[in-house]
Each structure stands twice: as structure tokens, then as C-alpha cells.
Amino acid sequence: MGFKENLKDELTYRDIQTKELAALTGISLHTLNHYLVQNGTSPSAENAMKIAAALGVSVEYLMSRNETAIRPCAQPYAAEVRLLADKIARMNKKERSLVAALVNAIEQCKS
């Protein structure tokens, strides 16, 4: 996948709108939208660094989707798995124990 797809995935994963990313990076909404269209342009190195910093990922990850380049020592999880992990982290202890019980039940059904 390329920059456009990786950026879209990260925006979805983090539930960030392009206007919010524009505010975080100082990059115009118009420019960000150009990065996200069908035959969009690639960002300059400076803009790629601003976007990566705002999203908490590396430029290499955004450009190549190298999962090991997300953050130093990060697990190479897919965006949907990271989204679930973030949602679980926001749950209270009782809710997390219910999720754990569900996962355990699913694993037992596989056996």
C-alpha cells in the first residue's frame, strides 16, 4: 500500500478528520485532501514528517506500511487490531474481563 492508503487507515484508526490533522500539522486542508485523492500527490519530506509526528507513527510506516516501523519496539499489528486494543484500553475493569472471557471462549471453540 502507498502513502494515500496508509494515511487513510491511520486517520480511520485514530478517528481523526482531515481538518483535525490540518490543525495538528499546520498543513492546509486543501493539501491534505490532495494526498488522499485517487491520483493524489505525495507529500514533501517536511510534510510527511509533520503528518507522521501528529499520528505517532514513522514516516517509513506511512510511506511503505512497514509494520515494524510504526514506533520503535512496536508490535507489528494491523490497524484494526490496534483499534480494538485502544478501545479495550478505554474500558473499565469489568468490561475488560468480559472481553477476555469472550476471547477465551472463542479460543476454546477453535480447539
Protein backbone atom coordinates (compact mmCIF):
# COMPACT_ATOMS: atom_id res chain seq x y z
CA MET A 1 0.00 0.00 0.00
CA GLY A 2 1.06 3.56 -0.60
CA PHE A 3 1.03 6.78 1.36
CA LYS A 4 -2.59 7.60 0.48
CA GLU A 5 -3.94 4.27 1.77
CA ASN A 6 -1.74 4.28 4.86
CA LEU A 7 -2.77 7.81 5.74
CA LYS A 8 -6.45 6.94 5.30
CA ASP A 9 -6.02 3.88 7.52
CA GLU A 10 -4.31 5.88 10.27
CA LEU A 11 -6.93 8.61 10.17
CA THR A 12 -9.65 5.99 10.49
CA TYR A 13 -7.76 4.11 13.22
CA ARG A 14 -7.27 7.24 15.26
CA ASP A 15 -10.73 8.64 14.41
CA ILE A 16 -9.20 11.89 13.18
CA GLN A 17 -10.77 14.04 10.47
CA THR A 18 -8.55 15.70 7.88
CA LYS A 19 -9.44 19.13 9.28
CA GLU A 20 -8.13 17.99 12.68
CA LEU A 21 -4.93 16.73 11.06
CA ALA A 22 -4.58 20.08 9.31
CA ALA A 23 -4.79 21.84 12.67
CA LEU A 24 -2.29 19.45 14.25
CA THR A 25 0.25 19.74 11.45
CA GLY A 26 -0.17 23.25 10.08
CA ILE A 27 -0.67 21.72 6.63
CA SER A 28 -3.62 23.15 4.73
CA LEU A 29 -6.77 21.07 4.42
CA HIS A 30 -6.54 21.50 0.65
CA THR A 31 -3.04 19.98 0.59
CA LEU A 32 -4.05 17.08 2.85
CA ASN A 33 -7.04 16.34 0.63
CA HIS A 34 -4.69 16.20 -2.37
CA TYR A 35 -2.73 13.46 -0.60
CA LEU A 36 -5.94 11.45 -0.15
CA VAL A 37 -7.45 11.55 -3.66
CA GLN A 38 -7.24 8.83 -6.33
CA ASN A 39 -4.14 10.12 -8.13
CA GLY A 40 -3.02 12.37 -5.34
CA THR A 41 0.36 13.86 -4.85
CA SER A 42 2.94 12.56 -2.42
CA PRO A 43 3.90 14.85 0.43
CA SER A 44 7.19 16.65 0.71
CA ALA A 45 9.61 15.20 3.25
CA GLU A 46 8.75 18.05 5.63
CA ASN A 47 5.00 17.43 5.39
CA ALA A 48 5.45 13.67 5.70
CA MET A 49 7.40 14.26 8.94
CA LYS A 50 4.69 16.58 10.29
CA ILE A 51 1.93 14.07 9.49
CA ALA A 52 3.87 11.15 10.96
CA ALA A 53 4.58 13.09 14.15
CA ALA A 54 0.93 14.11 14.53
CA LEU A 55 -0.21 10.49 14.09
CA GLY A 56 2.52 9.00 16.29
CA VAL A 57 3.95 6.82 13.53
CA SER A 58 7.16 6.90 11.50
CA VAL A 59 7.48 8.36 8.02
CA GLU A 60 8.68 4.95 6.84
CA TYR A 61 5.46 3.39 8.09
CA LEU A 62 3.30 5.93 6.28
CA MET A 63 5.25 5.62 3.05
CA SER A 64 5.72 1.84 2.95
CA ARG A 65 3.37 0.32 5.55
CA ASN A 66 6.35 -1.41 7.12
CA GLU A 67 4.54 -2.54 10.27
CA THR A 68 7.78 -2.79 12.25
CA ALA A 69 8.45 0.89 11.55
CA ILE A 70 5.37 2.20 13.37
CA ARG A 71 7.27 3.04 16.53
CA PRO A 72 10.48 1.64 17.95
CA CYS A 73 9.79 -1.76 19.53
CA ALA A 74 6.14 -1.67 18.46
CA GLN A 75 4.35 -4.92 17.73
CA PRO A 76 3.50 -5.28 14.04
CA TYR A 77 -0.27 -5.35 14.49
CA ALA A 78 -2.74 -4.45 11.77
CA ALA A 79 -4.66 -1.19 12.18
CA GLU A 80 -7.90 -2.99 13.09
CA VAL A 81 -6.16 -4.88 15.90
CA ARG A 82 -4.63 -1.68 17.24
CA LEU A 83 -8.08 -0.03 17.11
CA LEU A 84 -9.55 -2.88 19.17
CA ALA A 85 -6.68 -2.65 21.65
CA ASP A 86 -7.28 1.08 22.08
CA LYS A 87 -10.99 0.50 22.66
CA ILE A 88 -10.27 -2.21 25.22
CA ALA A 89 -7.78 0.05 26.99
CA ARG A 90 -10.55 2.64 27.50
CA MET A 91 -12.88 0.08 29.10
CA ASN A 92 -13.30 -0.36 32.82
CA LYS A 93 -12.06 -3.49 34.59
CA LYS A 94 -15.42 -5.29 34.39
CA GLU A 95 -15.78 -4.63 30.66
CA ARG A 96 -12.22 -5.82 30.01
CA SER A 97 -12.89 -9.03 31.91
CA LEU A 98 -15.96 -9.63 29.74
CA VAL A 99 -13.88 -9.13 26.60
CA ALA A 100 -11.24 -11.52 27.96
CA ALA A 101 -13.92 -14.13 28.69
CA LEU A 102 -15.27 -13.78 25.15
CA VAL A 103 -11.80 -14.16 23.63
CA ASN A 104 -11.13 -17.21 25.80
CA ALA A 105 -14.46 -18.76 24.78
CA ILE A 106 -13.64 -18.21 21.10
CA GLU A 107 -10.23 -19.81 21.55
CA GLN A 108 -11.79 -22.82 23.26
CA CYS A 109 -14.27 -23.25 20.40
CA LYS A 110 -11.36 -23.43 17.96
CA SER A 111 -9.79 -26.35 19.81
